[in-house]
Amino acid sequence: YFYDEVENLFYFTSDNAEKLIARKKEFFDNVIPASNSVMAQNL
C-alpha cells in the first residue's frame, strides 16, 4: 500500500489515505531517521 515501484521508495502515506495536494516521500535522515531508511533496514 505504500510502495512506488518507479523510484523504489515508499510514500509517506498509504494508497488508502486522504488525498492531499501532494504525496510525499521522506528520505533525509534528521533528528528522527527517515521512514524510508528505517524501512530499508527492516527489509
PDB file of all heavy atoms in Angstrom:
ATOM      1  N   TYR A   1       0.781  -1.235   0.000  1.00  0.00           N
ATOM      2  CA  TYR A   1       0.000   0.000   0.000  1.00  0.00           C
ATOM      3  C   TYR A   1       0.819   1.295   0.000  1.00  0.00           C
ATOM      4  O   TYR A   1       0.242   2.376  -0.169  1.00  0.00           O
ATOM      5  CB  TYR A   1      -0.941   0.014   1.199  1.00  0.00           C
ATOM      6  CG  TYR A   1      -2.040  -1.014   1.096  1.00  0.00           C
ATOM      7  CD1 TYR A   1      -1.977  -2.211   1.822  1.00  0.00           C
ATOM      8  CD2 TYR A   1      -3.131  -0.814   0.260  1.00  0.00           C
ATOM      9  CE1 TYR A   1      -2.978  -3.164   1.726  1.00  0.00           C
ATOM     10  CE2 TYR A   1      -4.146  -1.760   0.154  1.00  0.00           C
ATOM     11  CZ  TYR A   1      -4.052  -2.932   0.890  1.00  0.00           C
ATOM     12  OH  TYR A   1      -5.043  -3.875   0.784  1.00  0.00           O
ATOM     13  N   PHE A   2       2.145   1.214   0.189  1.00  0.00           N
ATOM     14  CA  PHE A   2       2.951   2.433   0.252  1.00  0.00           C
ATOM     15  C   PHE A   2       4.015   2.517  -0.847  1.00  0.00           C
ATOM     16  O   PHE A   2       4.590   3.581  -1.054  1.00  0.00           O
ATOM     17  CB  PHE A   2       3.677   2.524   1.608  1.00  0.00           C
ATOM     18  CG  PHE A   2       2.788   2.801   2.790  1.00  0.00           C
ATOM     19  CD1 PHE A   2       1.994   1.808   3.341  1.00  0.00           C
ATOM     20  CD2 PHE A   2       2.756   4.059   3.378  1.00  0.00           C
ATOM     21  CE1 PHE A   2       1.190   2.052   4.447  1.00  0.00           C
ATOM     22  CE2 PHE A   2       1.959   4.320   4.485  1.00  0.00           C
ATOM     23  CZ  PHE A   2       1.170   3.319   5.021  1.00  0.00           C
ATOM     24  N   TYR A   3       4.262   1.441  -1.545  1.00  0.00           N
ATOM     25  CA  TYR A   3       5.441   1.330  -2.415  1.00  0.00           C
ATOM     26  C   TYR A   3       5.239   2.031  -3.752  1.00  0.00           C
ATOM     27  O   TYR A   3       4.190   1.917  -4.382  1.00  0.00           O
ATOM     28  CB  TYR A   3       5.754  -0.148  -2.637  1.00  0.00           C
ATOM     29  CG  TYR A   3       6.965  -0.422  -3.484  1.00  0.00           C
ATOM     30  CD1 TYR A   3       8.190   0.164  -3.197  1.00  0.00           C
ATOM     31  CD2 TYR A   3       6.887  -1.281  -4.587  1.00  0.00           C
ATOM     32  CE1 TYR A   3       9.303  -0.097  -3.959  1.00  0.00           C
ATOM     33  CE2 TYR A   3       8.002  -1.558  -5.360  1.00  0.00           C
ATOM     34  CZ  TYR A   3       9.210  -0.965  -5.044  1.00  0.00           C
ATOM     35  OH  TYR A   3      10.313  -1.225  -5.818  1.00  0.00           O
ATOM     36  N   ASP A   4       6.270   2.751  -4.177  1.00  0.00           N
ATOM     37  CA  ASP A   4       6.332   3.333  -5.520  1.00  0.00           C
ATOM     38  C   ASP A   4       7.382   2.559  -6.305  1.00  0.00           C
ATOM     39  O   ASP A   4       8.586   2.748  -6.102  1.00  0.00           O
ATOM     40  CB  ASP A   4       6.706   4.813  -5.434  1.00  0.00           C
ATOM     41  CG  ASP A   4       6.859   5.456  -6.809  1.00  0.00           C
ATOM     42  OD1 ASP A   4       6.524   4.805  -7.820  1.00  0.00           O
ATOM     43  OD2 ASP A   4       7.322   6.618  -6.881  1.00  0.00           O
ATOM     44  N   GLU A   5       6.933   1.697  -7.195  1.00  0.00           N
ATOM     45  CA  GLU A   5       7.861   0.822  -7.912  1.00  0.00           C
ATOM     46  C   GLU A   5       8.698   1.586  -8.926  1.00  0.00           C
ATOM     47  O   GLU A   5       9.730   1.076  -9.385  1.00  0.00           O
ATOM     48  CB  GLU A   5       7.094  -0.301  -8.608  1.00  0.00           C
ATOM     49  CG  GLU A   5       6.094   0.159  -9.638  1.00  0.00           C
ATOM     50  CD  GLU A   5       5.290  -0.994 -10.213  1.00  0.00           C
ATOM     51  OE1 GLU A   5       5.294  -2.082  -9.616  1.00  0.00           O
ATOM     52  OE2 GLU A   5       4.668  -0.791 -11.269  1.00  0.00           O
ATOM     53  N   VAL A   6       8.308   2.797  -9.287  1.00  0.00           N
ATOM     54  CA  VAL A   6       9.093   3.583 -10.234  1.00  0.00           C
ATOM     55  C   VAL A   6      10.397   4.043  -9.591  1.00  0.00           C
ATOM     56  O   VAL A   6      11.470   3.959 -10.195  1.00  0.00           O
ATOM     57  CB  VAL A   6       8.283   4.801 -10.734  1.00  0.00           C
ATOM     58  CG1 VAL A   6       9.144   5.693 -11.628  1.00  0.00           C
ATOM     59  CG2 VAL A   6       7.042   4.324 -11.494  1.00  0.00           C
ATOM     60  N   GLU A   7      10.319   4.528  -8.354  1.00  0.00           N
ATOM     61  CA  GLU A   7      11.501   5.076  -7.688  1.00  0.00           C
ATOM     62  C   GLU A   7      12.082   4.156  -6.625  1.00  0.00           C
ATOM     63  O   GLU A   7      13.066   4.515  -5.967  1.00  0.00           O
ATOM     64  CB  GLU A   7      11.164   6.430  -7.053  1.00  0.00           C
ATOM     65  CG  GLU A   7      10.845   7.502  -8.095  1.00  0.00           C
ATOM     66  CD  GLU A   7      10.778   8.896  -7.509  1.00  0.00           C
ATOM     67  OE1 GLU A   7      10.598   9.021  -6.276  1.00  0.00           O
ATOM     68  OE2 GLU A   7      10.920   9.861  -8.272  1.00  0.00           O
ATOM     69  N   ASN A   8      11.489   2.980  -6.445  1.00  0.00           N
ATOM     70  CA  ASN A   8      11.979   2.047  -5.420  1.00  0.00           C
ATOM     71  C   ASN A   8      12.052   2.699  -4.039  1.00  0.00           C
ATOM     72  O   ASN A   8      13.017   2.511  -3.291  1.00  0.00           O
ATOM     73  CB  ASN A   8      13.361   1.484  -5.804  1.00  0.00           C
ATOM     74  CG  ASN A   8      13.267   0.449  -6.902  1.00  0.00           C
ATOM     75  OD1 ASN A   8      12.368  -0.388  -6.894  1.00  0.00           O
ATOM     76  ND2 ASN A   8      14.168   0.515  -7.859  1.00  0.00           N
ATOM     77  N   LEU A   9      11.016   3.458  -3.716  1.00  0.00           N
ATOM     78  CA  LEU A   9      10.890   4.063  -2.398  1.00  0.00           C
ATOM     79  C   LEU A   9       9.431   3.976  -1.976  1.00  0.00           C
ATOM     80  O   LEU A   9       8.558   3.641  -2.784  1.00  0.00           O
ATOM     81  CB  LEU A   9      11.345   5.528  -2.410  1.00  0.00           C
ATOM     82  CG  LEU A   9      12.848   5.792  -2.548  1.00  0.00           C
ATOM     83  CD1 LEU A   9      13.104   7.276  -2.759  1.00  0.00           C
ATOM     84  CD2 LEU A   9      13.631   5.289  -1.344  1.00  0.00           C
ATOM     85  N   PHE A  10       9.179   4.297  -0.723  1.00  0.00           N
ATOM     86  CA  PHE A  10       7.831   4.250  -0.198  1.00  0.00           C
ATOM     87  C   PHE A  10       7.293   5.662   0.020  1.00  0.00           C
ATOM     88  O   PHE A  10       8.012   6.547   0.490  1.00  0.00           O
ATOM     89  CB  PHE A  10       7.800   3.493   1.135  1.00  0.00           C
ATOM     90  CG  PHE A  10       8.142   2.037   1.001  1.00  0.00           C
ATOM     91  CD1 PHE A  10       9.430   1.587   1.264  1.00  0.00           C
ATOM     92  CD2 PHE A  10       7.187   1.117   0.607  1.00  0.00           C
ATOM     93  CE1 PHE A  10       9.751   0.242   1.149  1.00  0.00           C
ATOM     94  CE2 PHE A  10       7.495  -0.226   0.487  1.00  0.00           C
ATOM     95  CZ  PHE A  10       8.774  -0.665   0.750  1.00  0.00           C
ATOM     96  N   TYR A  11       6.028   5.836  -0.320  1.00  0.00           N
ATOM     97  CA  TYR A  11       5.349   7.077   0.020  1.00  0.00           C
ATOM     98  C   TYR A  11       5.160   7.154   1.530  1.00  0.00           C
ATOM     99  O   TYR A  11       5.112   6.145   2.231  1.00  0.00           O
ATOM    100  CB  TYR A  11       3.980   7.144  -0.656  1.00  0.00           C
ATOM    101  CG  TYR A  11       4.034   7.357  -2.150  1.00  0.00           C
ATOM    102  CD1 TYR A  11       3.720   6.313  -3.031  1.00  0.00           C
ATOM    103  CD2 TYR A  11       4.377   8.599  -2.682  1.00  0.00           C
ATOM    104  CE1 TYR A  11       3.745   6.510  -4.404  1.00  0.00           C
ATOM    105  CE2 TYR A  11       4.414   8.798  -4.053  1.00  0.00           C
ATOM    106  CZ  TYR A  11       4.102   7.751  -4.908  1.00  0.00           C
ATOM    107  OH  TYR A  11       4.135   7.951  -6.259  1.00  0.00           O
ATOM    108  N   PHE A  12       5.006   8.385   2.019  1.00  0.00           N
ATOM    109  CA  PHE A  12       4.772   8.571   3.446  1.00  0.00           C
ATOM    110  C   PHE A  12       3.363   8.144   3.836  1.00  0.00           C
ATOM    111  O   PHE A  12       3.115   7.766   4.980  1.00  0.00           O
ATOM    112  CB  PHE A  12       5.002  10.038   3.819  1.00  0.00           C
ATOM    113  CG  PHE A  12       5.049  10.287   5.300  1.00  0.00           C
ATOM    114  CD1 PHE A  12       6.143   9.889   6.060  1.00  0.00           C
ATOM    115  CD2 PHE A  12       4.000  10.919   5.951  1.00  0.00           C
ATOM    116  CE1 PHE A  12       6.192  10.108   7.426  1.00  0.00           C
ATOM    117  CE2 PHE A  12       4.035  11.146   7.313  1.00  0.00           C
ATOM    118  CZ  PHE A  12       5.133  10.732   8.051  1.00  0.00           C
ATOM    119  N   THR A  13       2.444   8.196   2.887  1.00  0.00           N
ATOM    120  CA  THR A  13       1.048   7.858   3.151  1.00  0.00           C
ATOM    121  C   THR A  13       0.624   6.629   2.356  1.00  0.00           C
ATOM    122  O   THR A  13       1.143   6.354   1.277  1.00  0.00           O
ATOM    123  CB  THR A  13       0.120   9.033   2.791  1.00  0.00           C
ATOM    124  OG1 THR A  13       0.352   9.404   1.424  1.00  0.00           O
ATOM    125  CG2 THR A  13       0.364  10.223   3.687  1.00  0.00           C
ATOM    126  N   SER A  14      -0.361   5.939   2.877  1.00  0.00           N
ATOM    127  CA  SER A  14      -0.922   4.755   2.229  1.00  0.00           C
ATOM    128  C   SER A  14      -1.752   5.141   1.004  1.00  0.00           C
ATOM    129  O   SER A  14      -2.239   6.272   0.885  1.00  0.00           O
ATOM    130  CB  SER A  14      -1.800   4.005   3.239  1.00  0.00           C
ATOM    131  OG  SER A  14      -2.617   3.055   2.600  1.00  0.00           O
ATOM    132  N   ASP A  15      -1.919   4.172   0.108  1.00  0.00           N
ATOM    133  CA  ASP A  15      -2.829   4.367  -1.025  1.00  0.00           C
ATOM    134  C   ASP A  15      -4.232   4.725  -0.550  1.00  0.00           C
ATOM    135  O   ASP A  15      -4.990   5.374  -1.281  1.00  0.00           O
ATOM    136  CB  ASP A  15      -2.914   3.091  -1.867  1.00  0.00           C
ATOM    137  CG  ASP A  15      -1.620   2.772  -2.588  1.00  0.00           C
ATOM    138  OD1 ASP A  15      -0.761   3.662  -2.696  1.00  0.00           O
ATOM    139  OD2 ASP A  15      -1.458   1.613  -3.036  1.00  0.00           O
ATOM    140  N   ASN A  16      -4.582   4.272   0.638  1.00  0.00           N
ATOM    141  CA  ASN A  16      -5.937   4.486   1.164  1.00  0.00           C
ATOM    142  C   ASN A  16      -6.097   5.781   1.942  1.00  0.00           C
ATOM    143  O   ASN A  16      -7.181   6.082   2.430  1.00  0.00           O
ATOM    144  CB  ASN A  16      -6.333   3.310   2.073  1.00  0.00           C
ATOM    145  CG  ASN A  16      -6.330   1.984   1.333  1.00  0.00           C
ATOM    146  OD1 ASN A  16      -6.714   1.922   0.172  1.00  0.00           O
ATOM    147  ND2 ASN A  16      -5.890   0.935   2.003  1.00  0.00           N
ATOM    148  N   ALA A  17      -5.018   6.554   2.070  1.00  0.00           N
ATOM    149  CA  ALA A  17      -5.058   7.763   2.899  1.00  0.00           C
ATOM    150  C   ALA A  17      -5.777   8.896   2.175  1.00  0.00           C
ATOM    151  O   ALA A  17      -6.013   8.855   0.962  1.00  0.00           O
ATOM    152  CB  ALA A  17      -3.636   8.192   3.255  1.00  0.00           C
ATOM    153  N   GLU A  18      -6.100   9.942   2.935  1.00  0.00           N
ATOM    154  CA  GLU A  18      -6.705  11.143   2.371  1.00  0.00           C
ATOM    155  C   GLU A  18      -5.818  11.695   1.254  1.00  0.00           C
ATOM    156  O   GLU A  18      -4.597  11.782   1.386  1.00  0.00           O
ATOM    157  CB  GLU A  18      -6.856  12.191   3.485  1.00  0.00           C
ATOM    158  CG  GLU A  18      -7.370  13.535   3.015  1.00  0.00           C
ATOM    159  CD  GLU A  18      -7.333  14.597   4.114  1.00  0.00           C
ATOM    160  OE1 GLU A  18      -6.933  14.258   5.251  1.00  0.00           O
ATOM    161  OE2 GLU A  18      -7.693  15.745   3.825  1.00  0.00           O
ATOM    162  N   LYS A  19      -6.424  12.093   0.153  1.00  0.00           N
ATOM    163  CA  LYS A  19      -5.689  12.655  -0.982  1.00  0.00           C
ATOM    164  C   LYS A  19      -5.446  14.140  -0.726  1.00  0.00           C
ATOM    165  O   LYS A  19      -6.380  14.940  -0.649  1.00  0.00           O
ATOM    166  CB  LYS A  19      -6.470  12.450  -2.276  1.00  0.00           C
ATOM    167  CG  LYS A  19      -6.771  10.989  -2.597  1.00  0.00           C
ATOM    168  CD  LYS A  19      -5.489  10.159  -2.757  1.00  0.00           C
ATOM    169  CE  LYS A  19      -5.780   8.726  -3.167  1.00  0.00           C
ATOM    170  NZ  LYS A  19      -6.271   7.887  -2.051  1.00  0.00           N
ATOM    171  N   LEU A  20      -4.187  14.507  -0.598  1.00  0.00           N
ATOM    172  CA  LEU A  20      -3.794  15.888  -0.358  1.00  0.00           C
ATOM    173  C   LEU A  20      -3.235  16.492  -1.642  1.00  0.00           C
ATOM    174  O   LEU A  20      -3.210  15.831  -2.687  1.00  0.00           O
ATOM    175  CB  LEU A  20      -2.764  15.939   0.767  1.00  0.00           C
ATOM    176  CG  LEU A  20      -3.215  15.317   2.099  1.00  0.00           C
ATOM    177  CD1 LEU A  20      -2.058  15.293   3.089  1.00  0.00           C
ATOM    178  CD2 LEU A  20      -4.407  16.084   2.678  1.00  0.00           C
ATOM    179  N   ILE A  21      -2.771  17.737  -1.584  1.00  0.00           N
ATOM    180  CA  ILE A  21      -2.286  18.396  -2.798  1.00  0.00           C
ATOM    181  C   ILE A  21      -0.974  17.797  -3.299  1.00  0.00           C
ATOM    182  O   ILE A  21      -0.560  18.062  -4.430  1.00  0.00           O
ATOM    183  CB  ILE A  21      -2.109  19.912  -2.584  1.00  0.00           C
ATOM    184  CG1 ILE A  21      -1.072  20.184  -1.484  1.00  0.00           C
ATOM    185  CG2 ILE A  21      -3.440  20.568  -2.262  1.00  0.00           C
ATOM    186  CD1 ILE A  21      -0.653  21.641  -1.414  1.00  0.00           C
ATOM    187  N   ALA A  22      -0.311  17.000  -2.475  1.00  0.00           N
ATOM    188  CA  ALA A  22       0.913  16.315  -2.889  1.00  0.00           C
ATOM    189  C   ALA A  22       1.050  15.042  -2.061  1.00  0.00           C
ATOM    190  O   ALA A  22       0.550  14.958  -0.944  1.00  0.00           O
ATOM    191  CB  ALA A  22       2.137  17.210  -2.690  1.00  0.00           C
ATOM    192  N   ARG A  23       1.717  14.061  -2.635  1.00  0.00           N
ATOM    193  CA  ARG A  23       2.014  12.825  -1.919  1.00  0.00           C
ATOM    194  C   ARG A  23       3.525  12.694  -1.839  1.00  0.00           C
ATOM    195  O   ARG A  23       4.204  12.541  -2.856  1.00  0.00           O
ATOM    196  CB  ARG A  23       1.402  11.617  -2.635  1.00  0.00           C
ATOM    197  CG  ARG A  23       1.415  10.344  -1.791  1.00  0.00           C
ATOM    198  CD  ARG A  23       0.776   9.188  -2.526  1.00  0.00           C
ATOM    199  NE  ARG A  23       0.738   7.995  -1.683  1.00  0.00           N
ATOM    200  CZ  ARG A  23       0.489   6.769  -2.150  1.00  0.00           C
ATOM    201  NH1 ARG A  23       0.247   6.566  -3.451  1.00  0.00           N
ATOM    202  NH2 ARG A  23       0.483   5.736  -1.316  1.00  0.00           N
ATOM    203  N   LYS A  24       4.041  12.763  -0.629  1.00  0.00           N
ATOM    204  CA  LYS A  24       5.470  12.930  -0.431  1.00  0.00           C
ATOM    205  C   LYS A  24       6.162  11.623  -0.050  1.00  0.00           C
ATOM    206  O   LYS A  24       5.537  10.677   0.410  1.00  0.00           O
ATOM    207  CB  LYS A  24       5.735  13.964   0.667  1.00  0.00           C
ATOM    208  CG  LYS A  24       5.018  15.301   0.474  1.00  0.00           C
ATOM    209  CD  LYS A  24       5.424  15.979  -0.820  1.00  0.00           C
ATOM    210  CE  LYS A  24       6.865  16.449  -0.788  1.00  0.00           C
ATOM    211  NZ  LYS A  24       7.236  17.101  -2.079  1.00  0.00           N
ATOM    212  N   LYS A  25       7.480  11.649  -0.235  1.00  0.00           N
ATOM    213  CA  LYS A  25       8.353  10.585   0.266  1.00  0.00           C
ATOM    214  C   LYS A  25       9.376  11.227   1.193  1.00  0.00           C
ATOM    215  O   LYS A  25       9.850  12.327   0.940  1.00  0.00           O
ATOM    216  CB  LYS A  25       9.069   9.868  -0.879  1.00  0.00           C
ATOM    217  CG  LYS A  25       8.161   9.199  -1.888  1.00  0.00           C
ATOM    218  CD  LYS A  25       8.989   8.377  -2.870  1.00  0.00           C
ATOM    219  CE  LYS A  25       8.118   7.787  -3.972  1.00  0.00           C
ATOM    220  NZ  LYS A  25       7.879   8.764  -5.060  1.00  0.00           N
ATOM    221  N   GLU A  26       9.728  10.517   2.236  1.00  0.00           N
ATOM    222  CA  GLU A  26      10.673  11.033   3.231  1.00  0.00           C
ATOM    223  C   GLU A  26      11.943  10.191   3.170  1.00  0.00           C
ATOM    224  O   GLU A  26      11.904   8.994   3.438  1.00  0.00           O
ATOM    225  CB  GLU A  26      10.035  10.937   4.622  1.00  0.00           C
ATOM    226  CG  GLU A  26      10.908  11.428   5.750  1.00  0.00           C
ATOM    227  CD  GLU A  26      10.308  11.129   7.115  1.00  0.00           C
ATOM    228  OE1 GLU A  26      10.007   9.943   7.376  1.00  0.00           O
ATOM    229  OE2 GLU A  26      10.134  12.060   7.899  1.00  0.00           O
ATOM    230  N   PHE A  27      13.066  10.829   2.809  1.00  0.00           N
ATOM    231  CA  PHE A  27      14.299  10.029   2.781  1.00  0.00           C
ATOM    232  C   PHE A  27      15.508  10.715   3.399  1.00  0.00           C
ATOM    233  O   PHE A  27      16.574  10.115   3.511  1.00  0.00           O
ATOM    234  CB  PHE A  27      14.635   9.561   1.353  1.00  0.00           C
ATOM    235  CG  PHE A  27      14.810  10.650   0.337  1.00  0.00           C
ATOM    236  CD1 PHE A  27      15.950  11.419   0.295  1.00  0.00           C
ATOM    237  CD2 PHE A  27      13.834  10.879  -0.614  1.00  0.00           C
ATOM    238  CE1 PHE A  27      16.129  12.395  -0.660  1.00  0.00           C
ATOM    239  CE2 PHE A  27      13.994  11.863  -1.579  1.00  0.00           C
ATOM    240  CZ  PHE A  27      15.152  12.625  -1.599  1.00  0.00           C
ATOM    241  N   PHE A  28      15.392  11.965   3.831  1.00  0.00           N
ATOM    242  CA  PHE A  28      16.501  12.598   4.546  1.00  0.00           C
ATOM    243  C   PHE A  28      16.422  12.235   6.025  1.00  0.00           C
ATOM    244  O   PHE A  28      15.390  12.405   6.674  1.00  0.00           O
ATOM    245  CB  PHE A  28      16.456  14.116   4.394  1.00  0.00           C
ATOM    246  CG  PHE A  28      16.927  14.611   3.058  1.00  0.00           C
ATOM    247  CD1 PHE A  28      16.074  15.298   2.216  1.00  0.00           C
ATOM    248  CD2 PHE A  28      18.226  14.376   2.638  1.00  0.00           C
ATOM    249  CE1 PHE A  28      16.499  15.753   0.982  1.00  0.00           C
ATOM    250  CE2 PHE A  28      18.669  14.827   1.406  1.00  0.00           C
ATOM    251  CZ  PHE A  28      17.803  15.518   0.574  1.00  0.00           C
ATOM    252  N   ASP A  29      17.539  11.734   6.572  1.00  0.00           N
ATOM    253  CA  ASP A  29      17.621  11.420   7.996  1.00  0.00           C
ATOM    254  C   ASP A  29      17.840  12.709   8.779  1.00  0.00           C
ATOM    255  O   ASP A  29      18.733  13.499   8.458  1.00  0.00           O
ATOM    256  CB  ASP A  29      18.770  10.449   8.275  1.00  0.00           C
ATOM    257  CG  ASP A  29      18.564   9.113   7.588  1.00  0.00           C
ATOM    258  OD1 ASP A  29      17.437   8.599   7.638  1.00  0.00           O
ATOM    259  OD2 ASP A  29      19.530   8.594   6.997  1.00  0.00           O
ATOM    260  N   ASN A  30      17.032  12.903   9.791  1.00  0.00           N
ATOM    261  CA  ASN A  30      17.137  14.107  10.596  1.00  0.00           C
ATOM    262  C   ASN A  30      17.285  13.683  12.051  1.00  0.00           C
ATOM    263  O   ASN A  30      17.955  12.699  12.349  1.00  0.00           O
ATOM    264  CB  ASN A  30      15.907  15.001  10.367  1.00  0.00           C
ATOM    265  CG  ASN A  30      16.193  16.461  10.650  1.00  0.00           C
ATOM    266  OD1 ASN A  30      16.536  16.843  11.769  1.00  0.00           O
ATOM    267  ND2 ASN A  30      16.071  17.285   9.627  1.00  0.00           N
ATOM    268  N   VAL A  31      16.679  14.432  12.972  1.00  0.00           N
ATOM    269  CA  VAL A  31      16.683  14.019  14.377  1.00  0.00           C
ATOM    270  C   VAL A  31      16.111  12.604  14.491  1.00  0.00           C
ATOM    271  O   VAL A  31      16.648  11.748  15.194  1.00  0.00           O
ATOM    272  CB  VAL A  31      15.875  15.011  15.224  1.00  0.00           C
ATOM    273  CG1 VAL A  31      15.759  14.518  16.654  1.00  0.00           C
ATOM    274  CG2 VAL A  31      16.531  16.387  15.196  1.00  0.00           C
ATOM    275  N   ILE A  32      15.016  12.368  13.783  1.00  0.00           N
ATOM    276  CA  ILE A  32      14.486  11.021  13.614  1.00  0.00           C
ATOM    277  C   ILE A  32      14.914  10.528  12.240  1.00  0.00           C
ATOM    278  O   ILE A  32      14.779  11.255  11.255  1.00  0.00           O
ATOM    279  CB  ILE A  32      12.950  11.000  13.713  1.00  0.00           C
ATOM    280  CG1 ILE A  32      12.485  11.495  15.084  1.00  0.00           C
ATOM    281  CG2 ILE A  32      12.402   9.601  13.476  1.00  0.00           C
ATOM    282  CD1 ILE A  32      10.974  11.542  15.240  1.00  0.00           C
ATOM    283  N   PRO A  33      15.438   9.313  12.119  1.00  0.00           N
ATOM    284  CA  PRO A  33      15.797   8.796  10.796  1.00  0.00           C
ATOM    285  C   PRO A  33      14.594   8.781   9.860  1.00  0.00           C
ATOM    286  O   PRO A  33      13.450   8.627  10.295  1.00  0.00           O
ATOM    287  CB  PRO A  33      16.274   7.373  11.095  1.00  0.00           C
ATOM    288  CG  PRO A  33      16.676   7.390  12.521  1.00  0.00           C
ATOM    289  CD  PRO A  33      15.780   8.378  13.191  1.00  0.00           C
ATOM    290  N   ALA A  34      14.844   8.953   8.581  1.00  0.00           N
ATOM    291  CA  ALA A  34      13.775   8.965   7.588  1.00  0.00           C
ATOM    292  C   ALA A  34      13.053   7.623   7.575  1.00  0.00           C
ATOM    293  O   ALA A  34      13.664   6.562   7.713  1.00  0.00           O
ATOM    294  CB  ALA A  34      14.350   9.256   6.207  1.00  0.00           C
ATOM    295  N   SER A  35      11.747   7.696   7.377  1.00  0.00           N
ATOM    296  CA  SER A  35      10.948   6.470   7.367  1.00  0.00           C
ATOM    297  C   SER A  35      11.407   5.514   6.270  1.00  0.00           C
ATOM    298  O   SER A  35      11.366   4.292   6.449  1.00  0.00           O
ATOM    299  CB  SER A  35       9.472   6.806   7.202  1.00  0.00           C
ATOM    300  OG  SER A  35       9.255   7.721   6.156  1.00  0.00           O
ATOM    301  N   ASN A  36      11.870   6.034   5.138  1.00  0.00           N
ATOM    302  CA  ASN A  36      12.355   5.149   4.082  1.00  0.00           C
ATOM    303  C   ASN A  36      13.652   4.447   4.467  1.00  0.00           C
ATOM    304  O   ASN A  36      13.846   3.278   4.147  1.00  0.00           O
ATOM    305  CB  ASN A  36      12.542   5.928   2.770  1.00  0.00           C
ATOM    306  CG  ASN A  36      11.349   5.799   1.843  1.00  0.00           C
ATOM    307  OD1 ASN A  36      11.081   4.735   1.299  1.00  0.00           O
ATOM    308  ND2 ASN A  36      10.624   6.895   1.667  1.00  0.00           N
ATOM    309  N   SER A  37      14.539   5.144   5.168  1.00  0.00           N
ATOM    310  CA  SER A  37      15.795   4.495   5.553  1.00  0.00           C
ATOM    311  C   SER A  37      15.553   3.426   6.616  1.00  0.00           C
ATOM    312  O   SER A  37      16.194   2.368   6.606  1.00  0.00           O
ATOM    313  CB  SER A  37      16.810   5.530   6.059  1.00  0.00           C
ATOM    314  OG  SER A  37      16.428   6.105   7.295  1.00  0.00           O
ATOM    315  N   VAL A  38      14.618   3.677   7.534  1.00  0.00           N
ATOM    316  CA  VAL A  38      14.271   2.663   8.541  1.00  0.00           C
ATOM    317  C   VAL A  38      13.636   1.461   7.847  1.00  0.00           C
ATOM    318  O   VAL A  38      13.935   0.309   8.168  1.00  0.00           O
ATOM    319  CB  VAL A  38      13.329   3.242   9.606  1.00  0.00           C
ATOM    320  CG1 VAL A  38      12.950   2.176  10.631  1.00  0.00           C
ATOM    321  CG2 VAL A  38      13.983   4.427  10.308  1.00  0.00           C
ATOM    322  N   MET A  39      12.764   1.740   6.872  1.00  0.00           N
ATOM    323  CA  MET A  39      12.099   0.651   6.156  1.00  0.00           C
ATOM    324  C   MET A  39      13.117  -0.175   5.373  1.00  0.00           C
ATOM    325  O   MET A  39      13.005  -1.409   5.293  1.00  0.00           O
ATOM    326  CB  MET A  39      11.032   1.227   5.231  1.00  0.00           C
ATOM    327  CG  MET A  39       9.941   0.257   4.868  1.00  0.00           C
ATOM    328  SD  MET A  39       8.995  -0.298   6.297  1.00  0.00           S
ATOM    329  CE  MET A  39       8.961  -2.060   5.980  1.00  0.00           C
ATOM    330  N   ALA A  40      14.106   0.480   4.798  1.00  0.00           N
ATOM    331  CA  ALA A  40      15.149  -0.253   4.072  1.00  0.00           C
ATOM    332  C   ALA A  40      15.926  -1.166   5.023  1.00  0.00           C
ATOM    333  O   ALA A  40      16.242  -2.319   4.672  1.00  0.00           O
ATOM    334  CB  ALA A  40      16.090   0.728   3.383  1.00  0.00           C
ATOM    335  N   GLN A  41      16.250  -0.671   6.207  1.00  0.00           N
ATOM    336  CA  GLN A  41      16.930  -1.511   7.206  1.00  0.00           C
ATOM    337  C   GLN A  41      16.058  -2.705   7.581  1.00  0.00           C
ATOM    338  O   GLN A  41      16.550  -3.830   7.707  1.00  0.00           O
ATOM    339  CB  GLN A  41      17.224  -0.675   8.455  1.00  0.00           C
ATOM    340  CG  GLN A  41      18.196   0.457   8.234  1.00  0.00           C
ATOM    341  CD  GLN A  41      19.521   0.250   8.953  1.00  0.00           C
ATOM    342  OE1 GLN A  41      19.870  -0.860   9.328  1.00  0.00           O
ATOM    343  NE2 GLN A  41      20.259   1.319   9.130  1.00  0.00           N
ATOM    344  N   ASN A  42      14.755  -2.458   7.754  1.00  0.00           N
ATOM    345  CA  ASN A  42      13.845  -3.555   8.095  1.00  0.00           C
ATOM    346  C   ASN A  42      13.834  -4.622   7.009  1.00  0.00           C
ATOM    347  O   ASN A  42      13.870  -5.826   7.296  1.00  0.00           O
ATOM    348  CB  ASN A  42      12.425  -3.018   8.299  1.00  0.00           C
ATOM    349  CG  ASN A  42      12.295  -2.118   9.509  1.00  0.00           C
ATOM    350  OD1 ASN A  42      13.112  -2.164  10.425  1.00  0.00           O
ATOM    351  ND2 ASN A  42      11.268  -1.290   9.510  1.00  0.00           N
ATOM    352  N   LEU A  43      13.726  -4.176   5.770  1.00  0.00           N
ATOM    353  CA  LEU A  43      13.687  -5.120   4.647  1.00  0.00           C
ATOM    354  C   LEU A  43      14.969  -5.938   4.583  1.00  0.00           C
ATOM    355  O   LEU A  43      14.936  -7.144   4.292  1.00  0.00           O
ATOM    356  CB  LEU A  43      13.465  -4.358   3.340  1.00  0.00           C
ATOM    357  CG  LEU A  43      12.045  -3.826   3.137  1.00  0.00           C
ATOM    358  CD1 LEU A  43      12.043  -2.709   2.097  1.00  0.00           C
ATOM    359  CD2 LEU A  43      11.103  -4.949   2.715  1.00  0.00           C
TER     360      LEU A  43
END
